[in-house]
Amino acid sequence: MKYSKKINNRSKGFTLVEVIVTILATGILGAIFINFVGTALTSSWNAVEITRDETGAEALMEQIIGEYVEDINSSPSTALSNIFNAYNGQTLNGVAITTQYITFDGSGNEVASGPSPNLKVVLQHSGPVSPAITGRYSLTTVLTESRDTSDPIVIY
């Protein structure tokens, strides 16, 4: 009986074609990845600026509300007019401030009016997000003259 051994003459390793295809595929995927990372890096400043500007606007709104609380505790009858006169039409740190006296009709819809017991304060950032977008965000609050001198003082 003869035993025959199969001899594997094939050498181990990659062929030149396999190596070239792998390098090309890696290069193409790398180029696509770099393109996406580059796009993300160039637009990442936007989130930082928006957060910074929103924080500034929120701080300004807190300042306005703080002044209102101080005024309403000392002289409730002039608190709204003091805020209206101090801030209407102002722009502070890139934030445009608009104040408007409003009332509400029977359906709860907002109606502009002359001096009333409600003052709407709107803060609108004036800087662009991009050339196509002119306004970033706005904050709105309604201050109301709902106190008189017999009410306890509000601590803010």
N, C-alpha and C. Protein backbone atom coordinates (compact mmCIF):
# COMPACT_ATOMS: atom_id res chain seq x y z
N MET A 1 0.80 -1.16 0.00
CA MET A 1 0.00 0.00 0.00
C MET A 1 0.84 1.23 0.00
N LYS A 2 0.39 2.11 -0.86
CA LYS A 2 1.12 3.36 -0.95
C LYS A 2 0.34 4.47 -0.28
N TYR A 3 1.05 5.17 0.52
CA TYR A 3 0.45 6.35 1.14
C TYR A 3 0.96 7.58 0.42
N SER A 4 0.00 8.35 0.03
CA SER A 4 0.44 9.58 -0.63
C SER A 4 0.10 10.76 0.26
N LYS A 5 1.03 11.62 0.38
CA LYS A 5 0.84 12.84 1.14
C LYS A 5 0.56 13.96 0.17
N LYS A 6 -0.45 14.70 0.54
CA LYS A 6 -0.71 15.87 -0.28
C LYS A 6 0.24 16.95 0.16
N ILE A 7 0.90 17.46 -0.74
CA ILE A 7 1.84 18.52 -0.44
C ILE A 7 1.21 19.84 -0.87
N ASN A 8 1.13 20.76 0.09
CA ASN A 8 0.55 22.06 -0.20
C ASN A 8 1.68 22.99 -0.60
N ASN A 9 1.72 23.26 -1.87
CA ASN A 9 2.78 24.12 -2.38
C ASN A 9 2.43 25.61 -2.29
N ARG A 10 1.23 25.89 -1.87
CA ARG A 10 0.83 27.30 -1.80
C ARG A 10 1.48 27.94 -0.59
N SER A 11 2.09 29.10 -0.81
CA SER A 11 2.74 29.80 0.29
C SER A 11 1.70 30.58 1.09
N LYS A 12 2.00 30.79 2.34
CA LYS A 12 1.07 31.50 3.21
C LYS A 12 1.33 33.00 3.11
N GLY A 13 0.25 33.81 3.26
CA GLY A 13 0.36 35.26 3.18
C GLY A 13 -0.63 35.84 2.20
N PHE A 14 -0.54 37.14 1.97
CA PHE A 14 -1.45 37.83 1.06
C PHE A 14 -0.77 38.03 -0.28
N THR A 15 -1.59 38.04 -1.31
CA THR A 15 -1.04 38.32 -2.63
C THR A 15 -0.93 39.83 -2.80
N LEU A 16 -0.20 40.24 -3.78
CA LEU A 16 -0.02 41.65 -4.06
C LEU A 16 -1.36 42.32 -4.38
N VAL A 17 -2.23 41.64 -5.08
CA VAL A 17 -3.55 42.18 -5.44
C VAL A 17 -4.38 42.40 -4.18
N GLU A 18 -4.36 41.49 -3.24
CA GLU A 18 -5.11 41.65 -2.01
C GLU A 18 -4.61 42.84 -1.19
N VAL A 19 -3.33 43.02 -1.13
CA VAL A 19 -2.75 44.14 -0.39
C VAL A 19 -3.14 45.47 -1.04
N ILE A 20 -3.08 45.55 -2.36
CA ILE A 20 -3.42 46.79 -3.07
C ILE A 20 -4.90 47.12 -2.88
N VAL A 21 -5.78 46.14 -2.98
CA VAL A 21 -7.22 46.37 -2.80
C VAL A 21 -7.50 46.85 -1.37
N THR A 22 -6.84 46.27 -0.39
CA THR A 22 -7.03 46.68 1.00
C THR A 22 -6.57 48.12 1.21
N ILE A 23 -5.43 48.49 0.66
CA ILE A 23 -4.93 49.86 0.79
C ILE A 23 -5.86 50.86 0.12
N LEU A 24 -6.36 50.52 -1.06
CA LEU A 24 -7.29 51.42 -1.75
C LEU A 24 -8.59 51.59 -0.97
N ALA A 25 -9.15 50.49 -0.46
CA ALA A 25 -10.40 50.56 0.30
C ALA A 25 -10.20 51.40 1.57
N THR A 26 -9.08 51.20 2.26
CA THR A 26 -8.78 51.98 3.46
C THR A 26 -8.62 53.46 3.13
N GLY A 27 -7.98 53.77 2.02
CA GLY A 27 -7.81 55.16 1.61
C GLY A 27 -9.13 55.84 1.30
N ILE A 28 -10.02 55.15 0.61
CA ILE A 28 -11.33 55.72 0.27
C ILE A 28 -12.15 55.95 1.54
N LEU A 29 -12.19 54.97 2.42
CA LEU A 29 -12.94 55.13 3.67
C LEU A 29 -12.33 56.24 4.54
N GLY A 30 -11.02 56.34 4.55
CA GLY A 30 -10.35 57.40 5.30
C GLY A 30 -10.70 58.78 4.76
N ALA A 31 -10.75 58.92 3.44
CA ALA A 31 -11.10 60.21 2.84
C ALA A 31 -12.53 60.61 3.19
N ILE A 32 -13.44 59.66 3.18
CA ILE A 32 -14.83 59.95 3.54
C ILE A 32 -14.91 60.35 5.01
N PHE A 33 -14.22 59.64 5.87
CA PHE A 33 -14.23 59.93 7.30
C PHE A 33 -13.66 61.32 7.57
N ILE A 34 -12.56 61.67 6.94
CA ILE A 34 -11.94 62.99 7.13
C ILE A 34 -12.91 64.09 6.68
N ASN A 35 -13.65 63.85 5.61
CA ASN A 35 -14.63 64.83 5.12
C ASN A 35 -15.70 65.08 6.18
N PHE A 36 -16.23 64.02 6.79
CA PHE A 36 -17.25 64.19 7.82
C PHE A 36 -16.70 64.87 9.06
N VAL A 37 -15.52 64.49 9.49
CA VAL A 37 -14.91 65.10 10.67
C VAL A 37 -14.63 66.58 10.41
N GLY A 38 -14.15 66.91 9.23
CA GLY A 38 -13.89 68.31 8.90
C GLY A 38 -15.15 69.14 8.93
N THR A 39 -16.25 68.61 8.42
CA THR A 39 -17.52 69.33 8.44
C THR A 39 -17.98 69.53 9.87
N ALA A 40 -17.86 68.53 10.70
CA ALA A 40 -18.27 68.65 12.10
C ALA A 40 -17.42 69.68 12.84
N LEU A 41 -16.14 69.70 12.56
CA LEU A 41 -15.26 70.65 13.25
C LEU A 41 -15.53 72.09 12.83
N THR A 42 -15.82 72.31 11.56
CA THR A 42 -16.05 73.68 11.10
C THR A 42 -17.37 74.24 11.61
N SER A 43 -18.35 73.38 11.93
CA SER A 43 -19.63 73.90 12.43
C SER A 43 -19.76 73.76 13.94
N SER A 44 -18.78 73.25 14.63
CA SER A 44 -18.90 73.06 16.08
C SER A 44 -18.88 74.38 16.84
N TRP A 45 -18.32 75.44 16.31
CA TRP A 45 -18.31 76.74 16.97
C TRP A 45 -19.73 77.26 17.17
N ASN A 46 -20.65 76.89 16.30
CA ASN A 46 -22.01 77.39 16.33
C ASN A 46 -22.70 77.05 17.65
N ALA A 47 -22.59 75.83 18.11
CA ALA A 47 -23.24 75.41 19.35
C ALA A 47 -22.68 76.19 20.54
N VAL A 48 -21.40 76.43 20.55
CA VAL A 48 -20.78 77.17 21.64
C VAL A 48 -21.29 78.61 21.67
N GLU A 49 -21.36 79.25 20.52
CA GLU A 49 -21.84 80.63 20.47
C GLU A 49 -23.31 80.73 20.86
N ILE A 50 -24.12 79.80 20.39
CA ILE A 50 -25.55 79.83 20.73
C ILE A 50 -25.73 79.66 22.23
N THR A 51 -25.01 78.73 22.83
CA THR A 51 -25.11 78.51 24.27
C THR A 51 -24.67 79.74 25.04
N ARG A 52 -23.58 80.36 24.62
CA ARG A 52 -23.10 81.57 25.29
C ARG A 52 -24.13 82.69 25.19
N ASP A 53 -24.70 82.89 24.00
CA ASP A 53 -25.65 83.97 23.80
C ASP A 53 -26.96 83.71 24.56
N GLU A 54 -27.42 82.46 24.58
CA GLU A 54 -28.63 82.13 25.33
C GLU A 54 -28.43 82.36 26.82
N THR A 55 -27.26 82.02 27.32
CA THR A 55 -26.97 82.24 28.73
C THR A 55 -26.98 83.73 29.04
N GLY A 56 -26.42 84.54 28.16
CA GLY A 56 -26.45 85.99 28.36
C GLY A 56 -27.86 86.54 28.35
N ALA A 57 -28.70 86.04 27.44
CA ALA A 57 -30.09 86.51 27.37
C ALA A 57 -30.87 86.08 28.61
N GLU A 58 -30.62 84.85 29.08
CA GLU A 58 -31.31 84.39 30.28
C GLU A 58 -30.87 85.22 31.50
N ALA A 59 -29.61 85.58 31.57
CA ALA A 59 -29.13 86.42 32.66
C ALA A 59 -29.79 87.80 32.60
N LEU A 60 -29.95 88.34 31.39
CA LEU A 60 -30.62 89.63 31.24
C LEU A 60 -32.08 89.54 31.66
N MET A 61 -32.75 88.44 31.30
CA MET A 61 -34.15 88.26 31.71
C MET A 61 -34.24 88.16 33.23
N GLU A 62 -33.30 87.46 33.85
CA GLU A 62 -33.28 87.38 35.32
C GLU A 62 -33.07 88.77 35.94
N GLN A 63 -32.24 89.58 35.32
CA GLN A 63 -32.01 90.94 35.81
C GLN A 63 -33.30 91.76 35.73
N ILE A 64 -34.01 91.67 34.61
CA ILE A 64 -35.26 92.41 34.44
C ILE A 64 -36.29 91.96 35.46
N ILE A 65 -36.42 90.65 35.64
CA ILE A 65 -37.39 90.13 36.61
C ILE A 65 -37.00 90.54 38.03
N GLY A 66 -35.70 90.52 38.33
CA GLY A 66 -35.24 90.95 39.64
C GLY A 66 -35.57 92.42 39.91
N GLU A 67 -35.37 93.27 38.92
CA GLU A 67 -35.72 94.69 39.07
C GLU A 67 -37.23 94.86 39.23
N TYR A 68 -37.99 94.04 38.50
CA TYR A 68 -39.44 94.12 38.62
C TYR A 68 -39.89 93.72 40.02
N VAL A 69 -39.32 92.64 40.55
CA VAL A 69 -39.69 92.20 41.90
C VAL A 69 -39.34 93.26 42.93
N GLU A 70 -38.18 93.87 42.77
CA GLU A 70 -37.79 94.95 43.68
C GLU A 70 -38.78 96.12 43.60
N ASP A 71 -39.16 96.49 42.36
CA ASP A 71 -40.11 97.60 42.17
C ASP A 71 -41.49 97.26 42.70
N ILE A 72 -41.94 96.04 42.46
CA ILE A 72 -43.30 95.69 42.88
C ILE A 72 -43.39 95.59 44.40
N ASN A 73 -42.28 95.27 45.06
CA ASN A 73 -42.28 95.25 46.53
C ASN A 73 -42.30 96.65 47.12
N SER A 74 -41.70 97.60 46.43
CA SER A 74 -41.64 98.96 46.98
C SER A 74 -42.77 99.85 46.49
N SER A 75 -43.10 99.79 45.19
CA SER A 75 -44.18 100.64 44.66
C SER A 75 -44.91 99.89 43.55
N PRO A 76 -45.90 99.09 43.91
CA PRO A 76 -46.60 98.26 42.92
C PRO A 76 -47.26 99.04 41.79
N SER A 77 -47.68 100.25 42.04
CA SER A 77 -48.39 101.00 41.00
C SER A 77 -47.49 101.47 39.86
N THR A 78 -46.18 101.59 40.11
CA THR A 78 -45.27 102.08 39.06
C THR A 78 -44.28 101.01 38.57
N ALA A 79 -44.39 99.79 39.07
CA ALA A 79 -43.41 98.75 38.73
C ALA A 79 -43.38 98.46 37.23
N LEU A 80 -44.54 98.29 36.61
CA LEU A 80 -44.58 97.98 35.18
C LEU A 80 -44.07 99.15 34.34
N SER A 81 -44.46 100.36 34.68
CA SER A 81 -44.00 101.50 33.90
C SER A 81 -42.50 101.72 34.05
N ASN A 82 -41.94 101.40 35.22
CA ASN A 82 -40.49 101.51 35.40
C ASN A 82 -39.75 100.55 34.46
N ILE A 83 -40.21 99.32 34.38
CA ILE A 83 -39.58 98.33 33.48
C ILE A 83 -39.78 98.75 32.03
N PHE A 84 -40.98 99.19 31.69
CA PHE A 84 -41.26 99.63 30.32
C PHE A 84 -40.33 100.76 29.92
N ASN A 85 -40.21 101.77 30.76
CA ASN A 85 -39.37 102.93 30.44
C ASN A 85 -37.88 102.59 30.43
N ALA A 86 -37.46 101.68 31.29
CA ALA A 86 -36.03 101.37 31.39
C ALA A 86 -35.54 100.48 30.24
N TYR A 87 -36.39 99.61 29.72
CA TYR A 87 -35.91 98.60 28.77
C TYR A 87 -36.51 98.65 27.37
N ASN A 88 -37.62 99.31 27.15
CA ASN A 88 -38.25 99.26 25.83
C ASN A 88 -37.34 99.81 24.74
N GLY A 89 -37.11 99.02 23.71
CA GLY A 89 -36.31 99.44 22.58
C GLY A 89 -34.81 99.37 22.80
N GLN A 90 -34.37 98.90 23.95
CA GLN A 90 -32.94 98.80 24.25
C GLN A 90 -32.33 97.57 23.59
N THR A 91 -31.04 97.63 23.34
CA THR A 91 -30.26 96.46 22.92
C THR A 91 -29.05 96.38 23.84
N LEU A 92 -29.00 95.30 24.60
CA LEU A 92 -27.91 95.09 25.55
C LEU A 92 -27.21 93.78 25.22
N ASN A 93 -25.91 93.86 25.01
CA ASN A 93 -25.09 92.67 24.69
C ASN A 93 -25.63 91.87 23.51
N GLY A 94 -26.11 92.56 22.49
CA GLY A 94 -26.63 91.90 21.29
C GLY A 94 -28.04 91.36 21.44
N VAL A 95 -28.71 91.68 22.53
CA VAL A 95 -30.08 91.20 22.77
C VAL A 95 -31.02 92.40 22.69
N ALA A 96 -31.95 92.35 21.72
CA ALA A 96 -32.94 93.42 21.56
C ALA A 96 -34.09 93.18 22.54
N ILE A 97 -34.48 94.23 23.25
CA ILE A 97 -35.54 94.12 24.25
C ILE A 97 -36.76 94.89 23.75
N THR A 98 -37.90 94.22 23.74
CA THR A 98 -39.15 94.85 23.36
C THR A 98 -40.13 94.67 24.51
N THR A 99 -40.77 95.73 24.92
CA THR A 99 -41.80 95.65 25.95
C THR A 99 -43.10 96.18 25.35
N GLN A 100 -44.20 95.55 25.73
CA GLN A 100 -45.50 95.94 25.18
C GLN A 100 -46.58 95.65 26.22
N TYR A 101 -47.43 96.64 26.44
CA TYR A 101 -48.59 96.41 27.32
C TYR A 101 -49.59 95.57 26.57
N ILE A 102 -50.13 94.56 27.24
CA ILE A 102 -51.10 93.68 26.60
C ILE A 102 -52.26 93.40 27.55
N THR A 103 -53.36 92.99 26.96
CA THR A 103 -54.49 92.44 27.71
C THR A 103 -54.89 91.15 26.99
N PHE A 104 -55.84 90.45 27.55
CA PHE A 104 -56.31 89.21 26.95
C PHE A 104 -57.81 89.30 26.76
N ASP A 105 -58.28 88.87 25.57
CA ASP A 105 -59.71 88.89 25.32
C ASP A 105 -60.38 87.69 26.00
N GLY A 106 -61.68 87.55 25.80
CA GLY A 106 -62.45 86.49 26.44
C GLY A 106 -61.99 85.09 26.07
N SER A 107 -61.33 84.95 24.90
CA SER A 107 -60.84 83.63 24.46
C SER A 107 -59.42 83.36 24.92
N GLY A 108 -58.82 84.32 25.61
CA GLY A 108 -57.44 84.14 26.07
C GLY A 108 -56.40 84.58 25.06
N ASN A 109 -56.83 85.23 23.99
CA ASN A 109 -55.90 85.71 22.98
C ASN A 109 -55.28 87.04 23.42
N GLU A 110 -54.05 87.22 23.07
CA GLU A 110 -53.32 88.43 23.42
C GLU A 110 -53.78 89.60 22.55
N VAL A 111 -54.02 90.74 23.21
CA VAL A 111 -54.44 91.96 22.51
C VAL A 111 -53.54 93.09 22.98
N ALA A 112 -52.91 93.80 22.04
CA ALA A 112 -52.08 94.95 22.40
C ALA A 112 -52.96 96.06 22.93
N SER A 113 -52.46 96.76 23.93
CA SER A 113 -53.25 97.85 24.51
C SER A 113 -52.31 98.91 25.06
N GLY A 114 -52.91 99.99 25.52
CA GLY A 114 -52.14 101.03 26.19
C GLY A 114 -51.73 100.52 27.57
N PRO A 115 -51.34 101.40 28.45
CA PRO A 115 -50.97 100.94 29.79
C PRO A 115 -52.05 100.04 30.38
N SER A 116 -51.65 98.86 30.76
CA SER A 116 -52.57 97.87 31.33
C SER A 116 -51.83 97.13 32.44
N PRO A 117 -52.52 96.25 33.14
CA PRO A 117 -51.84 95.55 34.24
C PRO A 117 -50.93 94.40 33.79
N ASN A 118 -50.68 94.27 32.50
CA ASN A 118 -49.81 93.20 31.98
C ASN A 118 -48.76 93.80 31.04
N LEU A 119 -47.51 93.43 31.25
CA LEU A 119 -46.43 93.91 30.40
C LEU A 119 -45.69 92.70 29.84
N LYS A 120 -45.68 92.60 28.52
CA LYS A 120 -44.98 91.50 27.84
C LYS A 120 -43.56 91.98 27.53
N VAL A 121 -42.57 91.18 27.96
CA VAL A 121 -41.16 91.50 27.72
C VAL A 121 -40.59 90.41 26.83
N VAL A 122 -40.05 90.81 25.67
CA VAL A 122 -39.46 89.86 24.72
C VAL A 122 -38.00 90.21 24.52
N LEU A 123 -37.14 89.22 24.70
CA LEU A 123 -35.71 89.37 24.42
C LEU A 123 -35.41 88.57 23.16
N GLN A 124 -34.87 89.23 22.15
CA GLN A 124 -34.56 88.58 20.87
C GLN A 124 -33.10 88.81 20.57
N HIS A 125 -32.35 87.72 20.38
CA HIS A 125 -30.94 87.88 20.04
C HIS A 125 -30.84 88.39 18.62
N SER A 126 -29.98 89.36 18.39
CA SER A 126 -29.91 90.00 17.08
C SER A 126 -28.84 89.41 16.17
N GLY A 127 -27.97 88.56 16.68
CA GLY A 127 -26.89 88.01 15.86
C GLY A 127 -27.35 86.86 15.02
N PRO A 128 -26.73 86.66 13.85
CA PRO A 128 -27.15 85.56 12.97
C PRO A 128 -26.51 84.23 13.35
N VAL A 129 -27.24 83.16 13.12
CA VAL A 129 -26.68 81.82 13.23
C VAL A 129 -25.85 81.56 11.98
N SER A 130 -26.41 81.93 10.86
CA SER A 130 -25.73 81.81 9.58
C SER A 130 -26.25 82.96 8.73
N PRO A 131 -25.66 83.19 7.56
CA PRO A 131 -26.17 84.29 6.73
C PRO A 131 -27.64 84.14 6.36
N ALA A 132 -28.16 82.92 6.34
CA ALA A 132 -29.54 82.72 5.94
C ALA A 132 -30.52 82.89 7.10
N ILE A 133 -30.05 82.77 8.35
CA ILE A 133 -30.92 82.85 9.51
C ILE A 133 -30.57 84.11 10.28
N THR A 134 -31.55 84.99 10.48
CA THR A 134 -31.25 86.27 11.12
C THR A 134 -31.47 86.25 12.63
N GLY A 135 -32.38 85.48 13.14
CA GLY A 135 -32.64 85.47 14.58
C GLY A 135 -32.36 84.11 15.17
N ARG A 136 -31.75 84.09 16.32
CA ARG A 136 -31.42 82.81 16.94
C ARG A 136 -32.55 82.29 17.80
N TYR A 137 -33.06 83.08 18.68
CA TYR A 137 -34.03 82.63 19.65
C TYR A 137 -34.65 83.85 20.31
N SER A 138 -35.68 83.63 21.07
CA SER A 138 -36.25 84.72 21.85
C SER A 138 -36.76 84.16 23.17
N LEU A 139 -36.76 85.01 24.18
CA LEU A 139 -37.32 84.69 25.49
C LEU A 139 -38.45 85.66 25.74
N THR A 140 -39.55 85.15 26.27
CA THR A 140 -40.72 86.00 26.52
C THR A 140 -41.23 85.75 27.93
N THR A 141 -41.61 86.82 28.61
CA THR A 141 -42.28 86.70 29.90
C THR A 141 -43.35 87.78 29.98
N VAL A 142 -44.33 87.53 30.79
CA VAL A 142 -45.39 88.51 31.02
C VAL A 142 -45.34 88.90 32.49
N LEU A 143 -45.12 90.17 32.73
CA LEU A 143 -45.11 90.70 34.09
C LEU A 143 -46.49 91.29 34.35
N THR A 144 -47.01 91.07 35.52
CA THR A 144 -48.36 91.56 35.81
C THR A 144 -48.39 92.33 37.12
N GLU A 145 -49.25 93.31 37.15
CA GLU A 145 -49.41 94.15 38.34
C GLU A 145 -50.49 93.50 39.21
N SER A 146 -50.08 92.51 39.95
CA SER A 146 -51.06 91.74 40.71
C SER A 146 -50.90 91.90 42.22
N ARG A 147 -50.19 92.92 42.64
CA ARG A 147 -49.95 93.14 44.07
C ARG A 147 -50.43 94.52 44.46
N ASP A 148 -50.64 94.66 45.75
CA ASP A 148 -50.83 96.00 46.30
C ASP A 148 -49.99 96.09 47.58
N THR A 149 -50.00 97.21 48.20
CA THR A 149 -49.09 97.43 49.34
C THR A 149 -49.43 96.56 50.54
N SER A 150 -50.62 95.98 50.61
CA SER A 150 -50.97 95.13 51.75
C SER A 150 -50.47 93.70 51.59
N ASP A 151 -50.03 93.32 50.38
CA ASP A 151 -49.52 91.98 50.14
C ASP A 151 -48.15 91.81 50.79
N PRO A 152 -47.82 90.58 51.22
CA PRO A 152 -46.48 90.38 51.80
C PRO A 152 -45.40 90.55 50.73
N ILE A 153 -44.21 90.92 51.15
CA ILE A 153 -43.08 91.13 50.25
C ILE A 153 -42.64 89.80 49.65
N VAL A 154 -42.35 89.83 48.36
CA VAL A 154 -41.86 88.63 47.66
C VAL A 154 -40.35 88.67 47.69
N ILE A 155 -39.73 87.57 48.12
CA ILE A 155 -38.27 87.47 48.12
C ILE A 155 -37.86 86.72 46.88
N TYR A 156 -37.00 87.33 46.09
CA TYR A 156 -36.59 86.72 44.83
C TYR A 156 -35.16 86.30 44.93
